[in-house]
Amino acid sequence: MDIVLLTIGFILMFIGILGSFLPVLPGTPISWVGLLLLYLTKAIPDDWIFLGITLAVALLVFALDYIIPVWGTKKFGGSKWGMIGTTIGLLVALIFPVLGFFGIIIWPFLGALVGELINRADQKTALKAAFGSFLGFLTGAFLKFMVTIIYLGLFIYKAWEYRSALFPFFS
């Protein structure tokens, strides 16, 4: 059973990392569930304080992921249309990865710009608001990515520390 929990937890770690960039997946909470599954194995001793702190961080980052783009958009004079455009641009980048990594940068920006232009903003205002919406998206994605990578590192560290208990047949 420990191997099943460890494997599912490890898979959830990578799904959480993907969730850093995919708006439909709550990346940090998914990664936290991966940590929880590791601690539910019989090999790893319970550490509810650690799990509580990491859960609080995951929930805080999850909440900030909704707040940061709004701050960025409002700070630069954007609208809800800019945020919607950013999300659509991200989805286009993920579905049609023509430009590779640069597509994840270019498409959300173009989506925000189009969204602002649809909102009847002039070009200068639309460009400024699109930049703010895009900057908010990048900030949230970076924050989620960093936390999920740290959670993956903690997962690997703890699994390695108790490897002989998790994999007794390799000892």
N, C-alpha and C. Protein backbone atom coordinates (compact mmCIF):
# COMPACT_ATOMS: atom_id res chain seq x y z
N MET A 1 0.82 -1.20 0.00
CA MET A 1 0.00 0.00 0.00
C MET A 1 0.86 1.26 0.00
N ASP A 2 2.01 1.20 0.69
CA ASP A 2 2.90 2.35 0.72
C ASP A 2 3.38 2.73 -0.68
N ILE A 3 3.67 1.73 -1.49
CA ILE A 3 4.14 2.00 -2.85
C ILE A 3 3.05 2.69 -3.66
N VAL A 4 1.80 2.27 -3.47
CA VAL A 4 0.69 2.90 -4.20
C VAL A 4 0.55 4.36 -3.77
N LEU A 5 0.58 4.63 -2.47
CA LEU A 5 0.48 6.01 -1.98
C LEU A 5 1.65 6.85 -2.47
N LEU A 6 2.84 6.28 -2.43
CA LEU A 6 4.03 6.99 -2.90
C LEU A 6 3.92 7.32 -4.38
N THR A 7 3.48 6.36 -5.18
CA THR A 7 3.35 6.56 -6.63
C THR A 7 2.29 7.60 -6.96
N ILE A 8 1.13 7.48 -6.35
CA ILE A 8 0.07 8.46 -6.60
C ILE A 8 0.51 9.85 -6.14
N GLY A 9 1.16 9.91 -4.98
CA GLY A 9 1.67 11.19 -4.48
C GLY A 9 2.67 11.81 -5.43
N PHE A 10 3.56 11.00 -5.99
CA PHE A 10 4.56 11.49 -6.93
C PHE A 10 3.89 12.01 -8.21
N ILE A 11 2.90 11.29 -8.69
CA ILE A 11 2.15 11.73 -9.88
C ILE A 11 1.45 13.07 -9.60
N LEU A 12 0.86 13.18 -8.41
CA LEU A 12 0.18 14.43 -8.04
C LEU A 12 1.16 15.60 -7.96
N MET A 13 2.40 15.32 -7.59
CA MET A 13 3.41 16.38 -7.58
C MET A 13 3.57 16.98 -8.97
N PHE A 14 3.66 16.12 -9.98
CA PHE A 14 3.84 16.61 -11.35
C PHE A 14 2.57 17.25 -11.90
N ILE A 15 1.42 16.73 -11.52
CA ILE A 15 0.17 17.37 -11.93
C ILE A 15 0.09 18.77 -11.30
N GLY A 16 0.54 18.89 -10.07
CA GLY A 16 0.58 20.19 -9.41
C GLY A 16 1.48 21.18 -10.13
N ILE A 17 2.63 20.69 -10.61
CA ILE A 17 3.53 21.56 -11.37
C ILE A 17 2.85 22.02 -12.66
N LEU A 18 2.18 21.10 -13.34
CA LEU A 18 1.42 21.49 -14.54
C LEU A 18 0.34 22.50 -14.18
N GLY A 19 -0.26 22.34 -13.02
CA GLY A 19 -1.29 23.26 -12.56
C GLY A 19 -0.76 24.66 -12.30
N SER A 20 0.55 24.81 -12.24
CA SER A 20 1.13 26.15 -12.09
C SER A 20 0.84 27.01 -13.31
N PHE A 21 0.67 26.35 -14.47
CA PHE A 21 0.47 27.08 -15.71
C PHE A 21 -0.91 26.88 -16.31
N LEU A 22 -1.58 25.79 -15.93
CA LEU A 22 -2.91 25.52 -16.45
C LEU A 22 -3.96 26.07 -15.50
N PRO A 23 -4.76 27.01 -15.95
CA PRO A 23 -5.71 27.64 -15.03
C PRO A 23 -6.81 26.71 -14.53
N VAL A 24 -7.00 25.56 -15.16
CA VAL A 24 -8.06 24.65 -14.74
C VAL A 24 -7.62 23.73 -13.61
N LEU A 25 -6.32 23.67 -13.32
CA LEU A 25 -5.82 22.80 -12.26
C LEU A 25 -5.30 23.63 -11.09
N PRO A 26 -5.79 23.38 -9.90
CA PRO A 26 -5.25 24.09 -8.72
C PRO A 26 -3.91 23.46 -8.30
N GLY A 27 -2.82 23.98 -8.85
CA GLY A 27 -1.50 23.37 -8.71
C GLY A 27 -1.02 23.14 -7.29
N THR A 28 -1.03 24.17 -6.47
CA THR A 28 -0.47 24.01 -5.12
C THR A 28 -1.29 23.06 -4.25
N PRO A 29 -2.63 23.13 -4.27
CA PRO A 29 -3.37 22.14 -3.47
C PRO A 29 -3.16 20.70 -3.96
N ILE A 30 -3.02 20.51 -5.26
CA ILE A 30 -2.78 19.16 -5.78
C ILE A 30 -1.42 18.65 -5.30
N SER A 31 -0.41 19.51 -5.36
CA SER A 31 0.91 19.12 -4.86
C SER A 31 0.87 18.81 -3.37
N TRP A 32 0.09 19.59 -2.63
CA TRP A 32 -0.01 19.34 -1.20
C TRP A 32 -0.64 17.98 -0.94
N VAL A 33 -1.64 17.59 -1.71
CA VAL A 33 -2.25 16.26 -1.54
C VAL A 33 -1.19 15.18 -1.79
N GLY A 34 -0.28 15.43 -2.73
CA GLY A 34 0.83 14.50 -2.94
C GLY A 34 1.69 14.36 -1.69
N LEU A 35 1.98 15.48 -1.04
CA LEU A 35 2.73 15.43 0.24
C LEU A 35 1.94 14.67 1.30
N LEU A 36 0.65 14.94 1.37
CA LEU A 36 -0.20 14.25 2.34
C LEU A 36 -0.15 12.74 2.13
N LEU A 37 -0.25 12.30 0.89
CA LEU A 37 -0.21 10.86 0.61
C LEU A 37 1.12 10.24 1.05
N LEU A 38 2.20 10.98 0.86
CA LEU A 38 3.49 10.48 1.33
C LEU A 38 3.48 10.28 2.84
N TYR A 39 2.92 11.23 3.55
CA TYR A 39 2.87 11.13 5.02
C TYR A 39 1.83 10.13 5.50
N LEU A 40 0.94 9.70 4.64
CA LEU A 40 -0.03 8.66 5.04
C LEU A 40 0.55 7.25 4.91
N THR A 41 1.74 7.13 4.34
CA THR A 41 2.37 5.81 4.29
C THR A 41 2.79 5.40 5.69
N LYS A 42 2.92 4.12 5.89
CA LYS A 42 3.36 3.62 7.20
C LYS A 42 4.83 3.89 7.44
N ALA A 43 5.59 4.11 6.38
CA ALA A 43 7.03 4.30 6.50
C ALA A 43 7.41 5.69 7.01
N ILE A 44 6.61 6.70 6.71
CA ILE A 44 6.93 8.08 7.08
C ILE A 44 6.16 8.44 8.35
N PRO A 45 6.88 8.90 9.38
CA PRO A 45 6.17 9.30 10.61
C PRO A 45 5.30 10.54 10.38
N ASP A 46 4.19 10.58 11.10
CA ASP A 46 3.27 11.72 10.99
C ASP A 46 3.96 13.00 11.44
N ASP A 47 3.71 14.06 10.71
CA ASP A 47 4.19 15.38 11.09
C ASP A 47 3.09 16.38 10.74
N TRP A 48 2.11 16.49 11.63
CA TRP A 48 0.94 17.31 11.36
C TRP A 48 1.25 18.79 11.33
N ILE A 49 2.27 19.20 12.04
CA ILE A 49 2.67 20.62 12.00
C ILE A 49 3.20 20.95 10.61
N PHE A 50 4.07 20.10 10.08
CA PHE A 50 4.60 20.31 8.73
C PHE A 50 3.46 20.32 7.71
N LEU A 51 2.57 19.35 7.81
CA LEU A 51 1.45 19.28 6.87
C LEU A 51 0.52 20.49 7.01
N GLY A 52 0.33 20.97 8.23
CA GLY A 52 -0.51 22.15 8.45
C GLY A 52 0.10 23.40 7.85
N ILE A 53 1.41 23.56 8.03
CA ILE A 53 2.10 24.74 7.48
C ILE A 53 2.07 24.69 5.95
N THR A 54 2.38 23.52 5.38
CA THR A 54 2.38 23.42 3.92
C THR A 54 0.97 23.58 3.34
N LEU A 55 -0.05 23.12 4.07
CA LEU A 55 -1.43 23.33 3.63
C LEU A 55 -1.77 24.82 3.65
N ALA A 56 -1.37 25.51 4.70
CA ALA A 56 -1.63 26.96 4.79
C ALA A 56 -0.96 27.70 3.64
N VAL A 57 0.27 27.33 3.32
CA VAL A 57 0.98 27.96 2.20
C VAL A 57 0.26 27.66 0.89
N ALA A 58 -0.14 26.40 0.69
CA ALA A 58 -0.84 26.02 -0.54
C ALA A 58 -2.14 26.80 -0.70
N LEU A 59 -2.90 26.94 0.37
CA LEU A 59 -4.17 27.67 0.30
C LEU A 59 -3.95 29.17 0.09
N LEU A 60 -2.90 29.71 0.71
CA LEU A 60 -2.58 31.12 0.53
C LEU A 60 -2.20 31.39 -0.93
N VAL A 61 -1.35 30.55 -1.49
CA VAL A 61 -0.94 30.73 -2.89
C VAL A 61 -2.14 30.54 -3.82
N PHE A 62 -3.00 29.58 -3.49
CA PHE A 62 -4.22 29.34 -4.27
C PHE A 62 -5.09 30.60 -4.29
N ALA A 63 -5.25 31.23 -3.14
CA ALA A 63 -6.04 32.46 -3.05
C ALA A 63 -5.36 33.61 -3.79
N LEU A 64 -4.05 33.73 -3.60
CA LEU A 64 -3.31 34.81 -4.27
C LEU A 64 -3.36 34.68 -5.79
N ASP A 65 -3.51 33.46 -6.26
CA ASP A 65 -3.58 33.24 -7.70
C ASP A 65 -4.79 33.93 -8.31
N TYR A 66 -5.81 34.14 -7.54
CA TYR A 66 -6.99 34.86 -8.02
C TYR A 66 -6.87 36.36 -7.78
N ILE A 67 -6.11 36.74 -6.78
CA ILE A 67 -6.00 38.15 -6.40
C ILE A 67 -4.94 38.88 -7.22
N ILE A 68 -3.79 38.25 -7.45
CA ILE A 68 -2.66 38.91 -8.13
C ILE A 68 -3.02 39.39 -9.53
N PRO A 69 -3.66 38.56 -10.39
CA PRO A 69 -4.01 39.08 -11.72
C PRO A 69 -4.98 40.26 -11.66
N VAL A 70 -5.88 40.24 -10.69
CA VAL A 70 -6.81 41.37 -10.54
C VAL A 70 -6.04 42.63 -10.16
N TRP A 71 -5.09 42.49 -9.24
CA TRP A 71 -4.26 43.64 -8.86
C TRP A 71 -3.50 44.17 -10.06
N GLY A 72 -2.87 43.25 -10.81
CA GLY A 72 -2.10 43.67 -11.98
C GLY A 72 -2.96 44.38 -13.00
N THR A 73 -4.14 43.83 -13.25
CA THR A 73 -5.04 44.42 -14.24
C THR A 73 -5.52 45.79 -13.77
N LYS A 74 -5.95 45.89 -12.52
CA LYS A 74 -6.45 47.17 -12.00
C LYS A 74 -5.34 48.21 -11.92
N LYS A 75 -4.15 47.78 -11.53
CA LYS A 75 -3.01 48.70 -11.40
C LYS A 75 -2.69 49.36 -12.74
N PHE A 76 -2.87 48.62 -13.83
CA PHE A 76 -2.56 49.15 -15.15
C PHE A 76 -3.81 49.57 -15.92
N GLY A 77 -4.94 49.69 -15.23
CA GLY A 77 -6.15 50.20 -15.85
C GLY A 77 -6.91 49.21 -16.71
N GLY A 78 -6.77 47.94 -16.45
CA GLY A 78 -7.42 46.92 -17.27
C GLY A 78 -8.81 46.56 -16.77
N SER A 79 -9.43 45.66 -17.52
CA SER A 79 -10.79 45.23 -17.21
C SER A 79 -10.84 43.71 -17.11
N LYS A 80 -12.04 43.23 -16.81
CA LYS A 80 -12.27 41.79 -16.76
C LYS A 80 -11.99 41.15 -18.12
N TRP A 81 -12.25 41.90 -19.19
CA TRP A 81 -12.01 41.39 -20.54
C TRP A 81 -10.53 41.07 -20.76
N GLY A 82 -9.67 41.86 -20.17
CA GLY A 82 -8.23 41.61 -20.29
C GLY A 82 -7.83 40.31 -19.60
N MET A 83 -8.42 40.07 -18.43
CA MET A 83 -8.12 38.82 -17.71
C MET A 83 -8.67 37.62 -18.47
N ILE A 84 -9.86 37.76 -19.02
CA ILE A 84 -10.44 36.66 -19.81
C ILE A 84 -9.58 36.40 -21.04
N GLY A 85 -9.13 37.46 -21.68
CA GLY A 85 -8.26 37.32 -22.85
C GLY A 85 -6.95 36.64 -22.51
N THR A 86 -6.39 36.95 -21.34
CA THR A 86 -5.15 36.31 -20.90
C THR A 86 -5.36 34.81 -20.76
N THR A 87 -6.45 34.42 -20.14
CA THR A 87 -6.74 33.00 -19.95
C THR A 87 -6.95 32.29 -21.28
N ILE A 88 -7.69 32.92 -22.19
CA ILE A 88 -7.91 32.32 -23.51
C ILE A 88 -6.59 32.21 -24.26
N GLY A 89 -5.76 33.23 -24.17
CA GLY A 89 -4.45 33.20 -24.81
C GLY A 89 -3.58 32.07 -24.27
N LEU A 90 -3.65 31.83 -22.97
CA LEU A 90 -2.90 30.73 -22.38
C LEU A 90 -3.39 29.39 -22.91
N LEU A 91 -4.70 29.25 -22.99
CA LEU A 91 -5.26 28.00 -23.51
C LEU A 91 -4.86 27.78 -24.97
N VAL A 92 -4.84 28.83 -25.76
CA VAL A 92 -4.39 28.72 -27.15
C VAL A 92 -2.93 28.26 -27.19
N ALA A 93 -2.10 28.82 -26.32
CA ALA A 93 -0.68 28.45 -26.27
C ALA A 93 -0.51 26.98 -25.90
N LEU A 94 -1.37 26.48 -25.03
CA LEU A 94 -1.24 25.09 -24.60
C LEU A 94 -1.81 24.12 -25.62
N ILE A 95 -2.87 24.50 -26.31
CA ILE A 95 -3.50 23.62 -27.30
C ILE A 95 -2.69 23.62 -28.60
N PHE A 96 -2.16 24.77 -28.98
CA PHE A 96 -1.37 24.90 -30.21
C PHE A 96 0.04 25.38 -29.87
N PRO A 97 0.91 24.48 -29.43
CA PRO A 97 2.25 24.90 -28.99
C PRO A 97 3.20 25.20 -30.14
N VAL A 98 2.76 26.03 -31.08
CA VAL A 98 3.55 26.35 -32.27
C VAL A 98 4.84 27.09 -31.89
N LEU A 99 4.75 28.02 -30.99
CA LEU A 99 5.90 28.84 -30.63
C LEU A 99 6.68 28.31 -29.44
N GLY A 100 6.34 27.12 -28.99
CA GLY A 100 7.05 26.52 -27.86
C GLY A 100 6.87 27.32 -26.59
N PHE A 101 7.95 27.45 -25.84
CA PHE A 101 7.91 28.18 -24.57
C PHE A 101 7.49 29.63 -24.76
N PHE A 102 7.91 30.26 -25.86
CA PHE A 102 7.57 31.66 -26.10
C PHE A 102 6.07 31.84 -26.31
N GLY A 103 5.39 30.79 -26.76
CA GLY A 103 3.94 30.86 -26.93
C GLY A 103 3.22 31.09 -25.62
N ILE A 104 3.77 30.54 -24.54
CA ILE A 104 3.17 30.72 -23.22
C ILE A 104 3.31 32.18 -22.77
N ILE A 105 4.25 32.88 -23.34
CA ILE A 105 4.43 34.30 -23.02
C ILE A 105 3.64 35.18 -23.99
N ILE A 106 3.72 34.87 -25.28
CA ILE A 106 3.12 35.73 -26.30
C ILE A 106 1.59 35.63 -26.32
N TRP A 107 1.04 34.41 -26.33
CA TRP A 107 -0.41 34.25 -26.48
C TRP A 107 -1.23 34.88 -25.35
N PRO A 108 -0.84 34.70 -24.08
CA PRO A 108 -1.63 35.37 -23.03
C PRO A 108 -1.59 36.89 -23.16
N PHE A 109 -0.44 37.44 -23.56
CA PHE A 109 -0.36 38.88 -23.75
C PHE A 109 -1.28 39.33 -24.89
N LEU A 110 -1.23 38.61 -26.01
CA LEU A 110 -2.10 38.95 -27.14
C LEU A 110 -3.58 38.79 -26.77
N GLY A 111 -3.88 37.74 -25.97
CA GLY A 111 -5.25 37.55 -25.52
C GLY A 111 -5.73 38.70 -24.67
N ALA A 112 -4.87 39.18 -23.77
CA ALA A 112 -5.23 40.33 -22.93
C ALA A 112 -5.43 41.58 -23.78
N LEU A 113 -4.56 41.76 -24.76
CA LEU A 113 -4.68 42.92 -25.64
C LEU A 113 -6.00 42.89 -26.42
N VAL A 114 -6.32 41.74 -26.99
CA VAL A 114 -7.57 41.61 -27.74
C VAL A 114 -8.77 41.82 -26.81
N GLY A 115 -8.68 41.24 -25.60
CA GLY A 115 -9.75 41.42 -24.63
C GLY A 115 -9.99 42.88 -24.30
N GLU A 116 -8.92 43.61 -24.13
CA GLU A 116 -9.05 45.04 -23.81
C GLU A 116 -9.58 45.83 -25.01
N LEU A 117 -9.17 45.44 -26.21
CA LEU A 117 -9.68 46.13 -27.40
C LEU A 117 -11.17 45.83 -27.60
N ILE A 118 -11.59 44.61 -27.28
CA ILE A 118 -13.02 44.27 -27.33
C ILE A 118 -13.80 45.11 -26.33
N ASN A 119 -13.15 45.41 -25.21
CA ASN A 119 -13.77 46.23 -24.17
C ASN A 119 -13.83 47.70 -24.57
N ARG A 120 -13.46 48.00 -25.79
CA ARG A 120 -13.53 49.34 -26.38
C ARG A 120 -12.50 50.31 -25.80
N ALA A 121 -11.36 49.78 -25.38
CA ALA A 121 -10.30 50.67 -24.93
C ALA A 121 -9.51 51.14 -26.15
N ASP A 122 -8.93 52.33 -26.06
CA ASP A 122 -8.06 52.77 -27.15
C ASP A 122 -6.78 51.92 -27.11
N GLN A 123 -5.99 51.99 -28.17
CA GLN A 123 -4.84 51.10 -28.28
C GLN A 123 -3.83 51.29 -27.16
N LYS A 124 -3.57 52.52 -26.79
CA LYS A 124 -2.58 52.78 -25.74
C LYS A 124 -3.06 52.22 -24.40
N THR A 125 -4.32 52.48 -24.06
CA THR A 125 -4.89 51.96 -22.81
C THR A 125 -4.95 50.44 -22.84
N ALA A 126 -5.33 49.89 -23.99
CA ALA A 126 -5.42 48.43 -24.13
C ALA A 126 -4.05 47.79 -23.96
N LEU A 127 -3.02 48.39 -24.53
CA LEU A 127 -1.67 47.85 -24.42
C LEU A 127 -1.19 47.88 -22.97
N LYS A 128 -1.44 48.99 -22.30
CA LYS A 128 -1.04 49.12 -20.90
C LYS A 128 -1.80 48.12 -20.02
N ALA A 129 -3.09 48.00 -20.22
CA ALA A 129 -3.89 47.06 -19.43
C ALA A 129 -3.52 45.62 -19.74
N ALA A 130 -3.23 45.33 -21.00
CA ALA A 130 -2.82 43.97 -21.37
C ALA A 130 -1.52 43.62 -20.68
N PHE A 131 -0.61 44.58 -20.61
CA PHE A 131 0.65 44.34 -19.91
C PHE A 131 0.41 44.05 -18.44
N GLY A 132 -0.48 44.80 -17.80
CA GLY A 132 -0.79 44.58 -16.39
C GLY A 132 -1.44 43.23 -16.16
N SER A 133 -2.37 42.86 -17.00
CA SER A 133 -3.03 41.56 -16.88
C SER A 133 -2.04 40.43 -17.08
N PHE A 134 -1.18 40.59 -18.07
CA PHE A 134 -0.17 39.59 -18.36
C PHE A 134 0.84 39.49 -17.23
N LEU A 135 1.25 40.63 -16.68
CA LEU A 135 2.20 40.64 -15.57
C LEU A 135 1.61 39.95 -14.34
N GLY A 136 0.33 40.18 -14.09
CA GLY A 136 -0.34 39.50 -12.99
C GLY A 136 -0.39 38.00 -13.20
N PHE A 137 -0.66 37.57 -14.42
CA PHE A 137 -0.67 36.14 -14.74
C PHE A 137 0.71 35.54 -14.51
N LEU A 138 1.75 36.20 -15.03
CA LEU A 138 3.11 35.67 -14.87
C LEU A 138 3.53 35.58 -13.41
N THR A 139 3.17 36.59 -12.63
CA THR A 139 3.52 36.60 -11.21
C THR A 139 2.85 35.44 -10.49
N GLY A 140 1.56 35.22 -10.74
CA GLY A 140 0.85 34.11 -10.12
C GLY A 140 1.40 32.77 -10.55
N ALA A 141 1.69 32.62 -11.84
CA ALA A 141 2.24 31.36 -12.34
C ALA A 141 3.61 31.08 -11.74
N PHE A 142 4.44 32.11 -11.64
CA PHE A 142 5.77 31.94 -11.06
C PHE A 142 5.68 31.54 -9.59
N LEU A 143 4.80 32.18 -8.85
CA LEU A 143 4.62 31.87 -7.44
C LEU A 143 4.16 30.42 -7.27
N LYS A 144 3.16 29.99 -8.05
CA LYS A 144 2.68 28.61 -7.98
C LYS A 144 3.77 27.63 -8.37
N PHE A 145 4.51 27.96 -9.41
CA PHE A 145 5.58 27.07 -9.88
C PHE A 145 6.64 26.89 -8.79
N MET A 146 7.05 27.97 -8.17
CA MET A 146 8.08 27.88 -7.13
C MET A 146 7.61 27.03 -5.95
N VAL A 147 6.38 27.23 -5.51
CA VAL A 147 5.86 26.46 -4.37
C VAL A 147 5.75 24.99 -4.74
N THR A 148 5.24 24.67 -5.93
CA THR A 148 5.11 23.26 -6.31
C THR A 148 6.47 22.58 -6.49
N ILE A 149 7.46 23.32 -6.96
CA ILE A 149 8.82 22.76 -7.07
C ILE A 149 9.40 22.50 -5.68
N ILE A 150 9.17 23.42 -4.76
CA ILE A 150 9.64 23.22 -3.38
C ILE A 150 8.94 21.99 -2.78
N TYR A 151 7.64 21.85 -3.01
CA TYR A 151 6.92 20.69 -2.50
C TYR A 151 7.46 19.40 -3.10
N LEU A 152 7.80 19.43 -4.39
CA LEU A 152 8.40 18.25 -5.01
C LEU A 152 9.74 17.93 -4.36
N GLY A 153 10.54 18.95 -4.10
CA GLY A 153 11.82 18.74 -3.42
C GLY A 153 11.64 18.15 -2.03
N LEU A 154 10.66 18.66 -1.28
CA LEU A 154 10.37 18.11 0.05
C LEU A 154 9.91 16.66 -0.04
N PHE A 155 9.10 16.36 -1.04
CA PHE A 155 8.60 15.00 -1.27
C PHE A 155 9.77 14.05 -1.53
N ILE A 156 10.64 14.44 -2.45
CA ILE A 156 11.78 13.58 -2.80
C ILE A 156 12.72 13.44 -1.62
N TYR A 157 12.97 14.52 -0.91
CA TYR A 157 13.86 14.47 0.26
C TYR A 157 13.33 13.48 1.30
N LYS A 158 12.05 13.59 1.62
CA LYS A 158 11.47 12.72 2.66
C LYS A 158 11.41 11.28 2.18
N ALA A 159 11.06 11.05 0.93
CA ALA A 159 11.02 9.68 0.40
C ALA A 159 12.42 9.08 0.40
N TRP A 160 13.42 9.87 0.07
CA TRP A 160 14.80 9.38 0.07
C TRP A 160 15.26 9.08 1.50
N GLU A 161 14.88 9.93 2.42
CA GLU A 161 15.27 9.75 3.82
C GLU A 161 14.74 8.42 4.38
N TYR A 162 13.54 8.03 3.97
CA TYR A 162 12.91 6.80 4.46
C TYR A 162 12.86 5.72 3.37
N ARG A 163 13.80 5.75 2.45
CA ARG A 163 13.78 4.80 1.34
C ARG A 163 13.86 3.35 1.78
N SER A 164 14.61 3.07 2.84
CA SER A 164 14.72 1.67 3.28
C SER A 164 13.40 1.18 3.87
N ALA A 165 12.61 2.06 4.48
CA ALA A 165 11.30 1.66 5.00
C ALA A 165 10.26 1.59 3.90
N LEU A 166 10.40 2.47 2.89
CA LEU A 166 9.45 2.46 1.77
C LEU A 166 9.72 1.30 0.80
N PHE A 167 10.98 0.99 0.62
CA PHE A 167 11.37 -0.08 -0.31
C PHE A 167 12.19 -1.14 0.42
N PRO A 168 11.59 -1.90 1.33
CA PRO A 168 12.38 -2.86 2.12
C PRO A 168 13.01 -3.96 1.26
N PHE A 169 12.45 -4.23 0.11
CA PHE A 169 12.98 -5.29 -0.74
C PHE A 169 14.28 -4.87 -1.44
N PHE A 170 14.63 -3.59 -1.42
CA PHE A 170 15.88 -3.12 -1.99
C PHE A 170 16.99 -2.99 -0.94
N SER A 171 16.66 -3.16 0.31
CA SER A 171 17.67 -2.98 1.38
C SER A 171 18.58 -4.17 1.48
